[in-house]
Structure formats: C-alpha cells, structure tokens
N, C-alpha and C. Protein backbone atom coordinates (compact mmCIF):
# COMPACT_ATOMS: atom_id res chain seq x y z
N MET A 1 45.42 106.27 138.50
CA MET A 1 44.19 107.11 138.79
C MET A 1 43.54 108.31 137.82
N THR A 2 42.22 107.52 137.88
CA THR A 2 41.27 108.15 136.90
C THR A 2 41.37 109.68 136.65
N VAL A 3 41.11 109.93 135.75
CA VAL A 3 40.22 110.91 135.39
C VAL A 3 39.10 112.12 136.34
N GLU A 4 38.36 110.97 136.72
CA GLU A 4 37.57 111.35 137.44
C GLU A 4 37.86 111.32 139.18
N GLU A 5 38.93 110.79 139.26
CA GLU A 5 39.54 110.69 140.76
C GLU A 5 40.33 111.91 140.54
N HIS A 6 40.96 112.35 139.54
CA HIS A 6 41.82 113.92 139.62
C HIS A 6 40.91 114.71 139.61
N ALA A 7 39.76 115.13 139.10
CA ALA A 7 38.91 115.91 139.12
C ALA A 7 38.00 116.21 140.24
N ALA A 8 38.00 115.23 141.13
CA ALA A 8 37.57 114.78 142.73
C ALA A 8 38.52 116.03 143.65
N ILE A 9 39.79 115.47 143.16
CA ILE A 9 40.43 115.91 144.28
C ILE A 9 41.54 117.30 144.48
N LEU A 10 41.09 117.63 142.17
CA LEU A 10 41.18 119.31 142.62
C LEU A 10 39.57 120.05 142.69
N ALA A 11 38.60 119.49 142.69
CA ALA A 11 37.67 119.63 143.18
C ALA A 11 37.64 120.40 144.92
N GLU A 12 38.27 119.32 145.93
CA GLU A 12 38.52 119.18 146.92
C GLU A 12 39.86 120.50 147.33
N ILE A 13 40.23 120.47 146.53
CA ILE A 13 41.67 121.45 146.98
C ILE A 13 40.86 122.96 146.80
N LEU A 14 39.74 123.16 145.64
CA LEU A 14 39.47 124.55 145.08
C LEU A 14 38.45 124.89 146.27
N ALA A 15 37.57 123.84 146.93
CA ALA A 15 36.47 123.95 148.11
C ALA A 15 37.48 124.42 149.06
N ASN A 16 38.39 124.18 149.55
CA ASN A 16 39.35 124.13 150.75
C ASN A 16 40.70 124.86 150.88
N PRO A 17 40.53 126.02 149.84
CA PRO A 17 41.76 126.99 149.46
C PRO A 17 42.52 127.03 151.07
N SER A 18 41.83 126.94 151.97
CA SER A 18 42.56 127.90 153.03
C SER A 18 42.76 126.50 154.45
N ASP A 19 42.23 125.85 153.97
CA ASP A 19 42.93 124.77 154.65
C ASP A 19 44.07 123.99 154.34
N THR A 20 45.45 124.03 154.53
CA THR A 20 46.67 124.45 154.19
C THR A 20 47.16 122.45 154.48
N ALA A 21 46.82 121.76 155.86
CA ALA A 21 46.92 120.62 155.51
C ALA A 21 46.09 119.80 154.63
N THR A 22 45.08 119.80 154.12
CA THR A 22 44.33 119.11 153.47
C THR A 22 45.03 119.89 152.29
N VAL A 23 44.93 120.62 151.61
CA VAL A 23 45.71 120.82 149.98
C VAL A 23 47.22 120.67 149.98
N SER A 24 47.78 120.66 150.87
CA SER A 24 49.36 120.04 151.00
C SER A 24 49.10 118.70 150.56
N GLU A 25 48.33 117.50 151.30
CA GLU A 25 47.78 116.05 151.25
C GLU A 25 47.67 115.93 149.76
N LYS A 26 46.56 117.03 149.13
CA LYS A 26 45.71 116.47 147.76
C LYS A 26 47.24 116.75 146.93
N LEU A 27 48.02 118.07 146.93
CA LEU A 27 48.84 118.23 145.79
C LEU A 27 49.83 117.23 145.96
N THR A 28 50.18 116.37 147.24
CA THR A 28 51.46 115.58 147.30
C THR A 28 50.54 114.40 146.26
N ILE A 29 49.53 114.03 146.29
CA ILE A 29 48.94 112.60 145.51
C ILE A 29 48.65 113.18 144.56
N LEU A 30 48.57 114.15 143.85
CA LEU A 30 48.79 114.42 142.16
C LEU A 30 50.39 114.54 141.72
N SER A 31 51.09 115.06 142.43
CA SER A 31 52.82 114.70 142.48
C SER A 31 52.87 113.83 142.11
N GLU A 32 52.22 112.93 142.83
CA GLU A 32 53.26 111.04 142.91
C GLU A 32 52.64 110.51 141.46
N ASN A 33 51.24 110.82 141.51
CA ASN A 33 50.52 110.77 140.42
C ASN A 33 50.93 111.31 138.51
N TYR A 34 51.57 112.39 138.81
CA TYR A 34 52.28 112.55 137.50
C TYR A 34 53.69 112.01 137.40
N GLY A 35 54.21 111.90 138.50
CA GLY A 35 55.57 111.15 138.72
C GLY A 35 55.46 109.82 137.99
N SER A 36 54.37 108.78 138.61
CA SER A 36 54.44 107.47 138.14
C SER A 36 53.86 107.52 136.33
N ILE A 37 53.10 109.07 135.94
CA ILE A 37 52.74 108.99 134.55
C ILE A 37 53.87 109.01 133.89
N VAL A 38 54.78 110.37 134.17
CA VAL A 38 55.46 110.41 133.02
C VAL A 38 56.70 109.65 132.91
N ALA A 39 56.81 108.47 134.45
CA ALA A 39 57.56 107.29 134.14
C ALA A 39 57.26 106.63 133.30
N GLU A 40 55.56 106.04 132.89
CA GLU A 40 54.89 105.32 132.46
C GLU A 40 55.58 105.62 130.94
N LYS A 41 55.05 106.96 130.53
CA LYS A 41 55.19 107.63 129.49
C LYS A 41 56.49 107.26 129.23
N ALA A 42 57.59 107.34 129.74
CA ALA A 42 58.79 107.12 129.30
C ALA A 42 59.08 106.01 128.68
N ALA A 43 58.38 105.09 129.30
CA ALA A 43 58.77 103.25 128.99
C ALA A 43 57.97 103.05 128.13
N ALA A 44 56.79 103.68 127.87
CA ALA A 44 56.05 103.41 126.67
C ALA A 44 56.83 104.47 124.93
N ASP A 45 57.20 105.33 125.74
CA ASP A 45 58.02 105.97 124.52
C ASP A 45 59.50 105.36 123.81
N LEU A 46 60.07 104.25 124.59
CA LEU A 46 61.08 103.54 124.57
C LEU A 46 60.96 102.09 124.08
N MET A 47 59.32 102.09 124.43
CA MET A 47 59.01 100.61 123.82
C MET A 47 58.62 100.99 122.34
N VAL A 48 57.54 102.18 122.29
CA VAL A 48 57.31 102.24 120.51
C VAL A 48 58.55 102.72 119.72
N ALA A 49 59.28 103.14 120.49
CA ALA A 49 60.69 103.41 119.66
C ALA A 49 61.48 102.00 119.32
N GLU A 50 61.59 101.32 120.33
CA GLU A 50 62.28 99.97 119.97
C GLU A 50 61.46 99.43 119.57
N LEU A 51 60.00 99.11 118.92
CA LEU A 51 59.26 98.46 118.08
C LEU A 51 59.01 98.75 116.82
N THR A 52 59.09 100.39 116.42
CA THR A 52 59.54 101.08 115.13
C THR A 52 60.90 100.40 114.61
N GLU A 53 61.86 100.25 115.40
CA GLU A 53 62.90 99.77 115.08
C GLU A 53 62.72 98.57 114.19
N LYS A 54 62.21 97.62 115.47
CA LYS A 54 62.12 96.57 114.89
C LYS A 54 61.56 96.19 113.52
N ASN A 55 60.01 96.88 113.42
CA ASN A 55 59.13 97.10 112.55
C ASN A 55 60.14 97.44 111.07
N GLU A 56 60.80 98.55 111.17
CA GLU A 56 61.45 98.95 110.41
C GLU A 56 62.44 97.52 109.54
N LYS A 57 63.19 97.32 110.31
CA LYS A 57 64.17 96.03 110.41
C LYS A 57 63.39 94.19 109.53
N LEU A 58 62.00 94.42 109.61
CA LEU A 58 61.72 93.36 109.67
C LEU A 58 60.96 93.91 107.72
N ILE A 59 60.32 95.09 108.04
CA ILE A 59 60.03 95.42 106.57
C ILE A 59 61.29 95.27 105.38
N GLN A 60 62.29 95.56 106.07
CA GLN A 60 63.79 95.79 104.91
C GLN A 60 63.75 94.13 104.73
N GLN A 61 63.77 93.04 105.61
CA GLN A 61 63.77 92.17 105.46
C GLN A 61 63.19 91.58 104.72
N ASN A 62 61.59 91.69 104.77
CA ASN A 62 60.79 90.62 104.04
C ASN A 62 61.06 91.75 102.44
N MET A 63 61.34 93.07 102.42
CA MET A 63 61.55 93.47 100.78
C MET A 63 63.06 92.62 99.98
N GLU A 64 63.93 92.28 101.31
CA GLU A 64 64.99 91.77 100.97
C GLU A 64 64.55 90.59 100.05
N LEU A 65 64.09 89.06 101.07
CA LEU A 65 63.83 88.38 100.54
C LEU A 65 62.29 88.22 99.98
N PHE A 66 61.39 89.20 99.46
CA PHE A 66 60.52 89.36 98.36
C PHE A 66 61.21 89.29 96.82
N LEU A 67 62.19 89.99 97.13
CA LEU A 67 63.17 90.16 95.94
C LEU A 67 63.62 89.12 95.29
N LYS A 68 64.49 88.87 96.29
CA LYS A 68 65.17 87.51 96.12
C LYS A 68 64.74 86.08 95.65
N VAL A 69 62.86 86.46 96.08
CA VAL A 69 62.42 84.63 95.43
C VAL A 69 61.78 85.28 94.11
N GLY A 70 61.21 87.04 94.03
CA GLY A 70 60.80 87.12 92.87
C GLY A 70 61.21 87.51 91.71
N ASN A 71 62.95 86.96 92.14
CA ASN A 71 64.44 87.43 90.90
C ASN A 71 64.44 86.13 90.43
N VAL A 72 63.66 85.28 89.82
CA VAL A 72 64.06 84.04 89.59
C VAL A 72 65.05 84.23 88.36
N PRO A 73 66.29 83.21 88.64
CA PRO A 73 67.01 83.89 87.27
C PRO A 73 66.10 82.64 85.78
N GLU A 74 66.01 83.54 84.65
CA GLU A 74 65.86 82.84 83.81
C GLU A 74 67.25 81.44 83.22
N SER A 75 66.46 81.04 82.49
CA SER A 75 67.30 79.75 81.77
C SER A 75 68.21 80.44 80.33
N ALA A 76 69.24 80.40 80.27
CA ALA A 76 70.11 81.05 79.56
C ALA A 76 69.62 80.36 78.27
N PRO A 77 69.67 81.26 77.68
CA PRO A 77 68.92 81.18 75.95
C PRO A 77 70.04 80.11 75.37
N PRO A 78 69.33 79.66 73.63
CA PRO A 78 70.54 78.97 73.48
C PRO A 78 71.21 79.79 72.44
N GLU A 79 72.58 79.19 72.69
CA GLU A 79 73.54 79.93 71.57
C GLU A 79 73.53 79.77 70.35
N GLN A 80 73.98 80.91 69.60
CA GLN A 80 73.57 80.31 68.35
C GLN A 80 74.04 78.80 67.55
N GLY A 81 73.41 78.44 66.72
CA GLY A 81 73.44 77.34 65.90
C GLY A 81 72.84 76.05 66.62
N GLU A 82 72.77 76.37 67.76
CA GLU A 82 72.13 75.48 68.52
C GLU A 82 70.37 75.53 68.86
N THR A 83 70.02 74.33 68.03
CA THR A 83 68.71 74.05 68.23
C THR A 83 67.74 72.95 69.43
N ILE A 84 66.62 73.86 69.66
CA ILE A 84 65.86 73.12 71.34
C ILE A 84 65.53 71.92 70.55
N PRO A 85 65.50 70.67 71.33
CA PRO A 85 64.85 69.54 70.96
C PRO A 85 63.57 70.17 70.76
N THR A 86 62.71 68.87 69.93
CA THR A 86 61.93 68.94 69.68
C THR A 86 60.99 67.69 70.10
N TYR A 87 59.83 67.24 69.88
CA TYR A 87 59.45 66.40 70.52
C TYR A 87 59.66 65.29 70.07
N ASP A 88 59.43 65.25 68.95
CA ASP A 88 60.48 63.96 67.76
C ASP A 88 61.36 63.43 68.41
N ASP A 89 62.83 64.53 68.64
CA ASP A 89 63.61 64.54 68.87
C ASP A 89 63.67 63.82 70.52
N LEU A 90 62.79 63.86 70.99
CA LEU A 90 62.93 63.37 72.73
C LEU A 90 62.56 62.01 72.59
N PHE A 91 61.34 61.52 71.72
CA PHE A 91 60.37 60.41 71.80
C PHE A 91 60.48 59.48 70.79
N ASP A 92 60.28 58.24 70.57
CA ASP A 92 60.60 57.47 69.80
C ASP A 92 58.53 56.76 69.10
N GLU A 93 58.72 56.63 68.15
CA GLU A 93 57.36 55.77 67.94
C GLU A 93 56.50 55.89 68.69
N ASN A 94 57.20 55.23 69.91
CA ASN A 94 56.39 54.89 70.70
C ASN A 94 55.35 55.65 72.26
N GLY A 95 55.89 56.51 72.07
CA GLY A 95 56.34 57.58 73.26
C GLY A 95 57.27 57.45 73.81
N ASN A 96 58.34 56.35 74.14
CA ASN A 96 59.33 56.25 75.11
C ASN A 96 60.47 57.32 74.97
N LEU A 97 61.01 57.97 75.90
CA LEU A 97 62.05 57.90 75.58
C LEU A 97 63.40 57.40 75.00
N LYS A 98 63.61 58.28 74.58
CA LYS A 98 64.95 57.90 73.64
C LYS A 98 66.25 58.23 74.61
C-alpha cells in the first residue's frame, strides 16, 4: 500500500466516523497492511544481519590474504665469511655462464 492509499483510507475513516461498517472495513485493511509491513521488515532485518555477518567475515579473510601476500619472506642474509658472488664469478670472459 502506498502512502497516498494509506492517507485516503484514513481520510475516509475521519470523514465518516459514525459509519461503523466502513470504519471497521478500513481498519481491517490498515491492520492487514501493518501486519505485512512488519513481516517484511523482520525479513529485511534478518537479511541485513546475515549480510553484515558475511561482510565482516569477508573483510577478515581479505585482511588475512592481504597480510599473507604482503608478507614476502626475505632471503636469508649471507652467513659470516660467506661472500656474495660478483658478475666476474658467474660469467667468463665471453659472457657465458661458468
């Protein structure tokens, strides 16, 4: 029911407060509409709660993945006395690998 329909029903009730049959009929319509709106709101609240929970889990999983991907282990530093090979140690005079 739209807001305009709701206002029209209320206007009919206010215009004919002594007509018990019309007032009773219109109040029944308003009562049924209220019940359906309450049920829809409860369903929407449940859906919002579920989506909020899923979103929080997804945020947590994304953060864990981000930290895992962003945390690249560095290569171990050379031990004492070990030297890092130079270009000359790896290639011969012709530029080929030794």
